[in-house]
Amino acid sequence: MTTTPIKMFGAAWCGDCRRTKKQLDELGVDYEYIDLVADPSAADVAKEISGRMNIPVVLYPDASHQVEPSNADVEAKLRELSLI
């Protein structure tokens, strides 16, 4: 498996983004946060990945992704990838 970090596309105004970011921080998981307000062009990248306009978009090292995931979904994926 590649060592590409997790990427999370989100925005501070998004409640689901704040929740997912907090979860990743609390779990001590390495990830790259892409702020769609600071970098509006990244919204196109997030949409290309997910096919949707919803955020957050979490891109995992195995090239899978989740859109607006629950905490349980994120935790399950991190466990599957042995990241926690």
Protein backbone atom coordinates (compact mmCIF):
# COMPACT_ATOMS: atom_id res chain seq x y z
CA MET A 1 0.00 0.00 0.00
CA THR A 2 1.14 3.51 -0.76
CA THR A 3 2.05 5.99 1.96
CA THR A 4 -0.09 8.76 0.46
CA PRO A 5 -1.58 10.66 3.37
CA ILE A 6 -5.28 10.96 3.95
CA LYS A 7 -6.67 14.11 2.36
CA MET A 8 -9.71 15.84 3.75
CA PHE A 9 -11.46 18.49 1.69
CA GLY A 10 -13.60 20.76 3.85
CA ALA A 11 -14.50 24.21 5.11
CA ALA A 12 -14.73 25.82 8.54
CA TRP A 13 -18.40 26.72 8.01
CA CYS A 14 -19.30 23.03 7.50
CA GLY A 15 -20.41 21.24 10.67
CA ASP A 16 -19.67 17.77 9.27
CA CYS A 17 -16.19 18.97 8.26
CA ARG A 18 -15.46 20.29 11.75
CA ARG A 19 -16.66 16.99 13.27
CA THR A 20 -14.54 14.82 10.95
CA LYS A 21 -11.47 17.06 11.38
CA LYS A 22 -11.87 16.87 15.17
CA GLN A 23 -12.15 13.07 15.00
CA LEU A 24 -8.99 12.71 12.91
CA ASP A 25 -7.14 15.09 15.26
CA GLU A 26 -8.29 13.20 18.37
CA LEU A 27 -7.28 9.86 16.83
CA GLY A 28 -3.84 11.27 15.99
CA VAL A 29 -4.17 10.33 12.34
CA ASP A 30 -1.86 12.01 9.83
CA TYR A 31 -3.85 13.84 7.17
CA GLU A 32 -3.71 16.80 4.84
CA TYR A 33 -6.56 19.28 5.30
CA ILE A 34 -7.54 21.15 2.16
CA ASP A 35 -9.54 24.27 3.05
CA LEU A 36 -11.98 24.93 0.23
CA VAL A 37 -12.43 28.56 1.33
CA ALA A 38 -8.69 29.25 1.19
CA ASP A 39 -8.32 27.25 -2.06
CA PRO A 40 -11.62 27.44 -3.99
CA SER A 41 -10.14 25.56 -6.98
CA ALA A 42 -9.78 22.52 -4.70
CA ALA A 43 -13.59 22.26 -4.71
CA ASP A 44 -13.31 21.04 -8.31
CA VAL A 45 -10.83 18.38 -7.19
CA ALA A 46 -13.18 17.26 -4.38
CA LYS A 47 -16.10 17.11 -6.83
CA GLU A 48 -14.00 15.12 -9.30
CA ILE A 49 -13.14 12.59 -6.58
CA SER A 50 -16.65 12.19 -5.21
CA GLY A 51 -18.91 13.12 -8.12
CA ARG A 52 -20.84 15.28 -5.64
CA MET A 53 -20.82 18.81 -4.24
CA ASN A 54 -21.09 17.61 -0.61
CA ILE A 55 -18.27 17.97 1.90
CA PRO A 56 -16.26 16.77 3.65
CA VAL A 57 -14.63 14.47 1.14
CA VAL A 58 -12.09 12.18 2.77
CA LEU A 59 -9.63 10.53 0.38
CA TYR A 60 -7.75 7.51 1.77
CA PRO A 61 -4.33 6.07 0.84
CA ASP A 62 -6.01 3.14 -0.95
CA ALA A 63 -7.71 5.66 -3.32
CA SER A 64 -11.14 5.06 -1.79
CA HIS A 65 -13.13 8.00 -0.47
CA GLN A 66 -16.05 8.90 1.75
CA VAL A 67 -18.42 11.86 1.45
CA GLU A 68 -20.05 13.27 4.58
CA PRO A 69 -18.99 10.18 6.54
CA SER A 70 -20.20 9.43 10.04
CA ASN A 71 -17.62 9.05 12.79
CA ALA A 72 -18.31 5.31 12.74
CA ASP A 73 -17.63 5.15 8.98
CA VAL A 74 -14.33 7.01 9.34
CA GLU A 75 -13.24 4.84 12.26
CA ALA A 76 -14.13 1.63 10.40
CA LYS A 77 -12.13 2.72 7.34
CA LEU A 78 -9.13 3.75 9.45
CA ARG A 79 -9.21 0.35 11.17
CA GLU A 80 -9.50 -1.44 7.80
CA LEU A 81 -6.37 0.40 6.66
CA SER A 82 -4.60 -0.29 10.00
CA LEU A 83 -4.19 3.43 10.59
CA ILE A 84 -5.59 3.21 14.12
